[in-house]
Amino acid sequence: MMRILRLFFLFSIFFKVPSVLAQREYWMRGYEYHLNSTAGRDLIRNNRIATMEVTDAKPQNEALKKVRHRFHFNELGLMTNKSTYFNDRDTVSYFVYYYYDTESRLTRTRYFIHDTLRGERNYKYDDRGRLAEETSFLVYQDYYPTGGLKYEWINDSIKVKINLRNGKQEVFKYDRRGGLTEYRKDTARPVNYFNYYNLDGKRVKTVSYNTVGEEYGKQNFNYDETRRLIRASSKEAEYMFTFDEKNLLKEERKVHAATGKVQAATYKYTYW
């Protein structure tokens, strides 16, 4: 049983995806997970980042106190694999390998714990190059599917994500600049989310409502003069971000509103 629980914990790291309303911003340790996205891989490549080290002052799990990622690229500048080390160990704990088609679109990611394949995701695209389908597999004592997602575009501004296992749907609506303006999730407690942007296209507020139209939650976002996100706040917590001379995240801090407890994580980089 402990082995199964440990495996589940490790896969919660690999397959953890930022909430849809935070994909383009940062929150506590979310920047680290953000780098798994296409935009994150582009950020790493464009800044020629070879390694990233994350130190969490008060981690929820001591195994994640210091995490070091090393990135590798092919001749086209596409990330081919990422290796992860924990707490100054020289032995790689996890590998992620990325595969692409002739159009440089991501078609598969494979996840390894040490040298053993543990999971895989596959991606398909429509004739306009938009993500159309995503399937996931888990490898433990057998190789079996754990989920699938199908994406349908009603038009250029509305995307529907369908969970193939249970039929649940999520709806995304975008403005002309591609900014997510509305998100609706079909769950036991459906919630609608609305994003509001300034003239620069930066999200300044997110408001969520329950099924009877009552406000469910609110987040506010503040930026500096160079349009970098420096503060995000809600009734639960406040997040603050500082950046280095390359405009990469240097530190993030979270202050819990109820207790005043402070969490902090710092980021260091090397370059190629």
Protein backbone atom coordinates (compact mmCIF):
# COMPACT_ATOMS: atom_id res chain seq x y z
CA MET A 1 0.00 0.00 0.00
CA MET A 2 2.78 2.47 0.85
CA ARG A 3 4.38 1.80 -2.52
CA ILE A 4 1.12 2.62 -4.29
CA LEU A 5 0.64 5.80 -2.27
CA ARG A 6 4.23 6.86 -3.02
CA LEU A 7 3.67 6.28 -6.73
CA PHE A 8 0.45 8.30 -6.61
CA PHE A 9 2.32 11.18 -4.94
CA LEU A 10 5.04 11.14 -7.60
CA PHE A 11 2.49 11.23 -10.38
CA SER A 12 0.68 14.11 -8.72
CA ILE A 13 3.93 16.01 -9.33
CA PHE A 14 4.28 14.92 -12.96
CA PHE A 15 0.69 15.44 -14.02
CA LYS A 16 -0.18 18.45 -11.90
CA VAL A 17 -1.48 21.21 -14.15
CA PRO A 18 -1.97 24.84 -13.14
CA SER A 19 -5.59 25.93 -12.78
CA VAL A 20 -6.97 27.23 -16.03
CA LEU A 21 -7.26 30.75 -14.66
CA ALA A 22 -3.63 30.83 -13.58
CA GLN A 23 -1.98 29.35 -16.67
CA ARG A 24 -0.48 32.69 -17.68
CA GLU A 25 0.42 33.90 -14.21
CA TYR A 26 2.31 32.56 -11.21
CA TRP A 27 1.31 31.34 -7.76
CA MET A 28 3.13 29.43 -5.03
CA ARG A 29 5.42 26.91 -6.79
CA GLY A 30 3.09 27.22 -9.78
CA TYR A 31 5.90 28.73 -11.87
CA GLU A 32 7.70 25.43 -11.58
CA TYR A 33 4.72 23.53 -12.97
CA HIS A 34 4.06 26.24 -15.55
CA LEU A 35 7.32 25.23 -17.23
CA ASN A 36 5.69 21.97 -18.33
CA SER A 37 3.46 23.91 -20.72
CA THR A 38 4.34 24.95 -24.26
CA ALA A 39 4.70 28.56 -23.12
CA GLY A 40 6.96 27.40 -20.29
CA ARG A 41 9.22 25.43 -22.62
CA ASP A 42 9.42 28.45 -24.93
CA LEU A 43 10.40 30.63 -21.97
CA ILE A 44 13.22 28.23 -21.07
CA ARG A 45 14.48 28.04 -24.66
CA ASN A 46 14.26 31.77 -25.40
CA ASN A 47 16.24 32.57 -22.25
CA ARG A 48 18.72 29.74 -22.88
CA ILE A 49 18.12 28.28 -19.42
CA ALA A 50 20.20 25.14 -18.75
CA THR A 51 19.14 24.51 -15.13
CA MET A 52 16.65 25.90 -12.66
CA GLU A 53 16.95 25.39 -8.90
CA VAL A 54 13.96 25.97 -6.63
CA THR A 55 14.38 26.30 -2.87
CA ASP A 56 11.24 26.27 -0.72
CA ALA A 57 11.84 27.68 2.76
CA LYS A 58 8.92 25.82 4.32
CA PRO A 59 7.83 23.02 2.00
CA GLN A 60 4.84 20.87 2.77
CA ASN A 61 7.09 17.91 2.02
CA GLU A 62 10.81 17.98 2.92
CA ALA A 63 11.58 15.94 -0.21
CA LEU A 64 10.67 19.04 -2.21
CA LYS A 65 12.72 21.53 -0.20
CA LYS A 66 15.25 21.92 -3.01
CA VAL A 67 14.46 20.83 -6.54
CA ARG A 68 16.83 21.17 -9.49
CA HIS A 69 15.70 20.80 -13.12
CA ARG A 70 18.07 20.34 -16.07
CA PHE A 71 16.82 21.00 -19.60
CA HIS A 72 17.99 19.56 -22.93
CA PHE A 73 17.18 20.71 -26.47
CA ASN A 74 17.52 19.46 -30.04
CA GLU A 75 19.00 21.33 -33.02
CA LEU A 76 15.64 23.08 -33.62
CA GLY A 77 15.61 24.48 -30.09
CA LEU A 78 12.81 22.18 -28.94
CA MET A 79 13.06 20.74 -25.45
CA THR A 80 13.70 17.00 -25.70
CA ASN A 81 13.96 16.04 -22.04
CA LYS A 82 13.96 17.38 -18.51
CA SER A 83 15.76 15.70 -15.62
CA THR A 84 14.91 16.43 -11.98
CA TYR A 85 17.07 16.11 -8.85
CA PHE A 86 16.00 16.47 -5.21
CA ASN A 87 17.88 17.98 -2.27
CA ASP A 88 21.39 18.16 -3.79
CA ARG A 89 21.42 14.54 -4.86
CA ASP A 90 23.57 13.75 -7.89
CA THR A 91 21.27 10.94 -9.01
CA VAL A 92 18.41 11.89 -11.30
CA SER A 93 15.05 11.05 -9.75
CA TYR A 94 12.74 11.81 -12.66
CA PHE A 95 12.95 12.20 -16.42
CA VAL A 96 10.41 13.69 -18.81
CA TYR A 97 10.93 13.16 -22.55
CA TYR A 98 9.18 15.25 -25.20
CA TYR A 99 8.40 14.17 -28.79
CA TYR A 100 7.27 16.33 -31.72
CA ASP A 101 5.87 15.99 -35.22
CA THR A 102 7.28 17.56 -38.39
CA GLU A 103 5.40 20.78 -37.54
CA SER A 104 7.23 20.98 -34.17
CA ARG A 105 3.99 20.25 -32.30
CA LEU A 106 4.21 18.21 -29.12
CA THR A 107 2.83 14.72 -29.76
CA ARG A 108 3.96 12.73 -26.72
CA THR A 109 5.46 13.12 -23.25
CA ARG A 110 6.88 10.13 -21.39
CA TYR A 111 7.58 10.12 -17.64
CA PHE A 112 10.24 8.00 -15.98
CA ILE A 113 10.98 7.37 -12.29
CA HIS A 114 14.70 6.64 -12.36
CA ASP A 115 15.00 4.36 -15.42
CA THR A 116 11.48 2.93 -15.35
CA LEU A 117 8.68 4.21 -17.57
CA ARG A 118 5.76 5.24 -15.37
CA GLY A 119 3.46 7.36 -17.52
CA GLU A 120 2.72 8.76 -20.93
CA ARG A 121 0.59 11.43 -22.59
CA ASN A 122 -0.28 11.62 -26.27
CA TYR A 123 -1.60 14.63 -28.19
CA LYS A 124 -3.49 15.00 -31.49
CA TYR A 125 -4.30 18.17 -33.43
CA ASP A 126 -6.98 19.29 -35.86
CA ASP A 127 -6.34 20.52 -39.40
CA ARG A 128 -5.79 24.05 -38.06
CA GLY A 129 -3.07 22.94 -35.65
CA ARG A 130 -5.23 23.23 -32.53
CA LEU A 131 -5.09 20.58 -29.80
CA ALA A 132 -7.93 18.14 -30.46
CA GLU A 133 -7.30 15.15 -28.21
CA GLU A 134 -5.17 14.14 -25.24
CA THR A 135 -4.83 10.69 -23.71
CA SER A 136 -2.97 9.60 -20.58
CA PHE A 137 -1.55 6.25 -19.54
CA LEU A 138 -0.13 5.04 -16.26
CA VAL A 139 2.44 2.28 -16.03
CA TYR A 140 2.64 0.40 -12.75
CA GLN A 141 2.28 -3.36 -13.02
CA ASP A 142 0.52 -2.94 -16.33
CA TYR A 143 0.07 -0.30 -19.04
CA TYR A 144 -3.45 1.10 -18.93
CA PRO A 145 -5.30 4.31 -19.81
CA THR A 146 -6.08 6.69 -16.95
CA GLY A 147 -7.96 9.38 -18.82
CA GLY A 148 -8.68 11.15 -22.04
CA LEU A 149 -9.64 14.63 -23.12
CA LYS A 150 -11.25 15.80 -26.33
CA TYR A 151 -11.21 19.43 -27.45
CA GLU A 152 -13.88 20.90 -29.72
CA TRP A 153 -13.89 24.44 -31.10
CA ILE A 154 -17.35 25.93 -31.60
CA ASN A 155 -15.71 28.92 -33.25
CA ASP A 156 -12.42 30.79 -32.91
CA SER A 157 -13.38 32.11 -29.48
CA ILE A 158 -15.08 29.17 -27.72
CA LYS A 159 -13.36 25.89 -26.86
CA VAL A 160 -15.01 22.91 -25.16
CA LYS A 161 -12.94 20.32 -23.27
CA ILE A 162 -14.68 16.97 -22.79
CA ASN A 163 -13.55 14.33 -20.31
CA LEU A 164 -13.88 11.07 -22.24
CA ARG A 165 -14.16 9.00 -19.09
CA ASN A 166 -17.19 10.71 -17.50
CA GLY A 167 -18.47 13.08 -20.20
CA LYS A 168 -17.96 16.18 -18.02
CA GLN A 169 -17.32 19.38 -19.94
CA GLU A 170 -15.33 22.56 -19.45
CA VAL A 171 -15.96 25.63 -21.61
CA PHE A 172 -13.36 28.31 -22.39
CA LYS A 173 -14.16 31.64 -24.02
CA TYR A 174 -11.47 33.97 -25.39
CA ASP A 175 -11.32 37.56 -26.57
CA ARG A 176 -9.81 38.74 -29.87
CA ARG A 177 -6.33 38.85 -28.33
CA GLY A 178 -6.58 35.28 -27.11
CA GLY A 179 -7.15 36.21 -23.46
CA LEU A 180 -9.36 33.81 -21.51
CA THR A 181 -12.47 35.78 -20.52
CA GLU A 182 -14.80 33.08 -19.22
CA TYR A 183 -14.45 29.55 -17.90
CA ARG A 184 -17.27 27.19 -16.93
CA LYS A 185 -16.78 23.79 -15.35
CA ASP A 186 -19.49 21.12 -15.37
CA THR A 187 -19.12 19.49 -11.95
CA ALA A 188 -21.31 18.60 -8.99
CA ARG A 189 -20.89 22.25 -7.96
CA PRO A 190 -20.66 24.15 -11.26
CA VAL A 191 -18.82 27.47 -11.09
CA ASN A 192 -18.43 30.17 -13.72
CA TYR A 193 -15.20 32.21 -13.82
CA PHE A 194 -14.80 35.56 -15.55
CA ASN A 195 -11.50 37.29 -16.30
CA TYR A 196 -11.14 41.04 -16.79
CA TYR A 197 -8.23 42.67 -18.64
CA ASN A 198 -6.72 46.15 -18.89
CA LEU A 199 -5.92 47.89 -22.17
CA ASP A 200 -2.50 46.21 -22.25
CA GLY A 201 -4.14 42.79 -22.29
CA LYS A 202 -3.10 41.99 -18.72
CA ARG A 203 -5.58 40.19 -16.47
CA VAL A 204 -6.47 42.45 -13.55
CA LYS A 205 -9.35 40.56 -11.93
CA THR A 206 -10.97 37.14 -11.82
CA VAL A 207 -14.47 36.73 -10.37
CA SER A 208 -16.29 33.41 -9.92
CA TYR A 209 -19.99 32.81 -9.41
CA ASN A 210 -22.00 29.80 -8.30
CA THR A 211 -25.05 28.40 -10.09
CA VAL A 212 -27.44 30.97 -8.58
CA GLY A 213 -25.27 33.90 -9.57
CA GLU A 214 -23.74 34.60 -6.16
CA GLU A 215 -20.10 35.70 -6.05
CA TYR A 216 -18.00 32.70 -5.14
CA GLY A 217 -14.54 34.24 -5.08
CA LYS A 218 -12.39 37.06 -6.42
CA GLN A 219 -8.72 37.55 -7.30
CA ASN A 220 -6.94 40.80 -8.12
CA PHE A 221 -3.64 41.19 -10.01
CA ASN A 222 -1.14 44.06 -9.99
CA TYR A 223 1.77 44.76 -12.35
CA ASP A 224 4.87 46.96 -12.34
CA GLU A 225 5.79 49.52 -15.00
CA THR A 226 7.32 46.80 -17.18
CA ARG A 227 4.03 44.81 -17.12
CA ARG A 228 5.35 42.05 -14.85
CA LEU A 229 2.97 40.50 -12.35
CA ILE A 230 4.15 41.55 -8.88
CA ARG A 231 1.10 40.86 -6.71
CA ALA A 232 -1.97 38.61 -6.71
CA SER A 233 -4.51 38.65 -3.89
CA SER A 234 -7.71 37.00 -2.75
CA LYS A 235 -9.50 36.73 0.57
CA GLU A 236 -7.47 33.59 1.36
CA ALA A 237 -3.94 34.80 0.61
CA GLU A 238 -1.65 37.36 -0.99
CA TYR A 239 1.13 36.42 -3.41
CA MET A 240 4.14 38.65 -4.20
CA PHE A 241 6.72 38.15 -6.95
CA THR A 242 10.16 39.60 -7.66
CA PHE A 243 12.25 39.15 -10.81
CA ASP A 244 15.92 39.13 -11.79
CA GLU A 245 17.69 41.21 -14.45
CA LYS A 246 16.52 38.77 -17.16
CA ASN A 247 12.89 39.20 -16.08
CA LEU A 248 12.80 35.63 -14.76
CA LEU A 249 11.07 34.87 -11.49
CA LYS A 250 13.50 35.26 -8.58
CA GLU A 251 11.27 34.87 -5.53
CA GLU A 252 7.63 34.29 -4.73
CA ARG A 253 6.01 34.77 -1.34
CA LYS A 254 2.62 33.71 -0.07
CA VAL A 255 1.01 35.29 3.00
CA HIS A 256 -2.02 33.46 4.41
CA ALA A 257 -4.75 35.93 5.34
CA ALA A 258 -6.15 33.93 8.26
CA THR A 259 -2.88 33.12 10.05
CA GLY A 260 -0.30 35.51 8.62
CA LYS A 261 1.89 32.51 7.84
CA VAL A 262 4.50 33.24 5.16
CA GLN A 263 5.74 30.77 2.56
CA ALA A 264 8.62 31.64 0.25
CA ALA A 265 10.40 30.00 -2.67
CA THR A 266 13.50 31.25 -4.51
CA TYR A 267 14.66 30.47 -8.04
CA LYS A 268 18.20 30.30 -9.46
CA TYR A 269 19.24 29.66 -13.06
CA THR A 270 22.24 28.70 -15.14
CA TYR A 271 22.44 29.28 -18.90
CA TRP A 272 23.90 27.70 -22.02
